[in-house]
């Protein structure tokens, strides 16, 4: 994996992200983490939208967990720091740490696996994609 700093992107909390009390709804953190992963992939030259157009593979979410530390509120500007925890040919574990100013609010850990779209079986990522995963920055602990 790369020794460059984690990938950083930003997200402004909109009203639709919150519950009646103005606190960010828990499922939105998963969406924010996906935005962070997509931004990091694109930063490394892999446009996520057309990634699978000419391939018989898919990257799918296998496992996800959240660790809440504090909550975010409506209208806050959040910083998403995304990186890789571990990668091997068929699986990649990612972490997105979500901050408000300097305060860590939440950690989202996911495992993404590569599958054959026809057989739905686990397969190694194609070499070009595996190379990108190896170059992605490490996540903060």
Protein backbone atom coordinates (compact mmCIF):
# COMPACT_ATOMS: atom_id res chain seq x y z
CA UNK A 1 0.00 0.00 0.00
CA UNK A 2 0.99 3.56 -0.56
CA UNK A 3 2.64 5.66 2.12
CA UNK A 4 0.75 8.76 1.01
CA UNK A 5 -1.73 10.28 3.47
CA UNK A 6 -5.28 8.98 3.53
CA UNK A 7 -7.67 10.18 0.86
CA UNK A 8 -9.62 13.21 2.02
CA UNK A 9 -13.00 14.35 0.80
CA UNK A 10 -15.69 16.58 2.27
CA UNK A 11 -19.41 16.35 2.89
CA UNK A 12 -21.91 18.96 4.04
CA UNK A 13 -24.77 17.50 6.08
CA UNK A 14 -28.12 18.34 4.51
CA UNK A 15 -31.51 18.26 6.22
CA UNK A 16 -32.37 14.95 4.54
CA UNK A 17 -29.41 13.31 6.31
CA UNK A 18 -30.90 13.99 9.73
CA UNK A 19 -33.67 12.77 11.99
CA UNK A 20 -36.27 15.01 13.61
CA UNK A 21 -33.70 16.16 16.18
CA UNK A 22 -31.23 17.38 13.57
CA UNK A 23 -28.82 14.49 14.23
CA UNK A 24 -27.38 12.52 11.28
CA UNK A 25 -29.26 9.25 10.78
CA UNK A 26 -26.96 6.24 11.25
CA UNK A 27 -27.35 4.80 7.73
CA UNK A 28 -26.07 8.05 6.21
CA UNK A 29 -22.58 7.33 7.56
CA UNK A 30 -22.44 4.26 5.29
CA UNK A 31 -23.33 6.49 2.34
CA UNK A 32 -20.67 9.02 3.31
CA UNK A 33 -18.08 6.23 3.50
CA UNK A 34 -19.06 5.06 0.03
CA UNK A 35 -18.59 8.61 -1.25
CA UNK A 36 -15.14 8.63 0.34
CA UNK A 37 -14.20 5.31 -1.29
CA UNK A 38 -15.45 6.47 -4.69
CA UNK A 39 -13.56 9.76 -4.42
CA UNK A 40 -10.35 7.95 -3.51
CA UNK A 41 -10.70 5.46 -6.37
CA UNK A 42 -11.27 8.32 -8.82
CA UNK A 43 -8.29 10.19 -7.40
CA UNK A 44 -6.20 7.13 -8.30
CA UNK A 45 -7.52 7.03 -11.85
CA UNK A 46 -10.37 4.55 -11.48
CA UNK A 47 -13.72 6.11 -12.40
CA UNK A 48 -16.21 4.05 -10.41
CA UNK A 49 -19.26 4.53 -12.65
CA UNK A 50 -17.88 2.91 -15.83
CA UNK A 51 -15.53 0.54 -13.94
CA UNK A 52 -17.60 -2.55 -14.75
CA UNK A 53 -18.98 -1.63 -18.18
CA UNK A 54 -16.70 -4.01 -20.09
CA UNK A 55 -15.93 -6.47 -17.32
CA UNK A 56 -17.53 -9.61 -15.96
CA UNK A 57 -16.73 -8.62 -12.38
CA UNK A 58 -18.36 -6.63 -9.64
CA UNK A 59 -17.13 -5.24 -6.35
CA UNK A 60 -19.69 -5.90 -3.65
CA UNK A 61 -20.00 -5.08 0.02
CA UNK A 62 -19.52 -8.19 2.15
CA UNK A 63 -19.25 -6.73 5.64
CA UNK A 64 -19.75 -3.32 7.24
CA UNK A 65 -19.51 -1.88 10.73
CA UNK A 66 -19.79 1.51 12.37
CA UNK A 67 -18.15 2.77 15.51
CA UNK A 68 -19.93 5.88 16.77
CA UNK A 69 -17.97 8.28 18.92
CA UNK A 70 -20.02 11.49 18.59
CA UNK A 71 -22.83 12.48 16.29
CA UNK A 72 -22.95 14.93 13.43
CA UNK A 73 -25.68 17.53 13.02
CA UNK A 74 -27.48 19.35 10.25
CA UNK A 75 -25.40 21.89 8.29
CA UNK A 76 -22.01 20.66 9.56
CA UNK A 77 -19.08 20.33 7.20
CA UNK A 78 -17.52 16.91 7.60
CA UNK A 79 -14.12 15.62 6.54
CA UNK A 80 -13.96 12.04 5.30
CA UNK A 81 -10.56 10.34 5.55
CA UNK A 82 -10.53 7.09 3.60
CA UNK A 83 -7.86 4.43 3.27
CA UNK A 84 -7.16 0.72 3.10
CA UNK A 85 -6.86 -1.47 6.19
CA UNK A 86 -5.90 -4.64 4.31
CA UNK A 87 -5.99 -5.96 0.78
CA UNK A 88 -5.51 -9.31 -0.88
CA UNK A 89 -6.38 -10.53 -4.39
CA UNK A 90 -10.14 -10.91 -3.78
CA UNK A 91 -10.90 -8.75 -0.71
CA UNK A 92 -10.20 -5.22 0.34
CA UNK A 93 -10.91 -3.80 3.79
CA UNK A 94 -11.47 -0.04 3.90
CA UNK A 95 -11.86 2.48 6.71
CA UNK A 96 -13.44 5.90 6.47
CA UNK A 97 -12.99 8.12 9.52
CA UNK A 98 -15.51 10.95 9.64
CA UNK A 99 -14.55 14.19 11.36
CA UNK A 100 -16.28 17.43 12.31
CA UNK A 101 -13.54 20.07 12.50
CA UNK A 102 -10.90 18.13 14.50
CA UNK A 103 -13.25 15.76 16.32
CA UNK A 104 -13.51 12.14 15.22
CA UNK A 105 -17.22 11.32 14.97
CA UNK A 106 -17.36 7.87 13.46
CA UNK A 107 -15.33 5.07 11.89
CA UNK A 108 -16.88 3.04 9.07
CA UNK A 109 -15.12 -0.23 8.22
CA UNK A 110 -16.17 -2.27 5.21
CA UNK A 111 -14.98 -5.31 3.35
CA UNK A 112 -15.40 -5.20 -0.42
CA UNK A 113 -15.00 -8.42 -2.43
CA UNK A 114 -14.58 -9.06 -6.12
CA UNK A 115 -17.05 -11.48 -7.66
CA UNK A 116 -17.74 -12.95 -11.08
CA UNK A 117 -21.01 -11.35 -12.20
CA UNK A 118 -22.30 -14.52 -13.84
CA UNK A 119 -21.44 -17.17 -11.27
CA UNK A 120 -21.61 -14.81 -8.25
CA UNK A 121 -18.47 -16.46 -6.88
CA UNK A 122 -15.51 -14.81 -5.22
CA UNK A 123 -12.59 -14.22 -7.62
CA UNK A 124 -9.33 -12.28 -7.54
CA UNK A 125 -9.58 -8.70 -8.77
CA UNK A 126 -8.15 -8.12 -12.24
CA UNK A 127 -4.48 -7.15 -12.08
CA UNK A 128 -5.07 -3.51 -13.04
CA UNK A 129 -7.57 -3.09 -10.20
CA UNK A 130 -5.44 -5.07 -7.73
CA UNK A 131 -2.51 -2.76 -8.58
CA UNK A 132 -4.64 0.28 -7.73
CA UNK A 133 -5.67 -1.28 -4.41
CA UNK A 134 -1.99 -1.79 -3.58
CA UNK A 135 -1.25 1.89 -4.25
CA UNK A 136 -4.12 3.27 -2.17
CA UNK A 137 -3.16 4.92 1.11
CA UNK A 138 -3.37 3.10 4.39
CA UNK A 139 -6.23 3.98 6.71
CA UNK A 140 -5.57 5.65 10.03
CA UNK A 141 -5.88 3.26 12.98
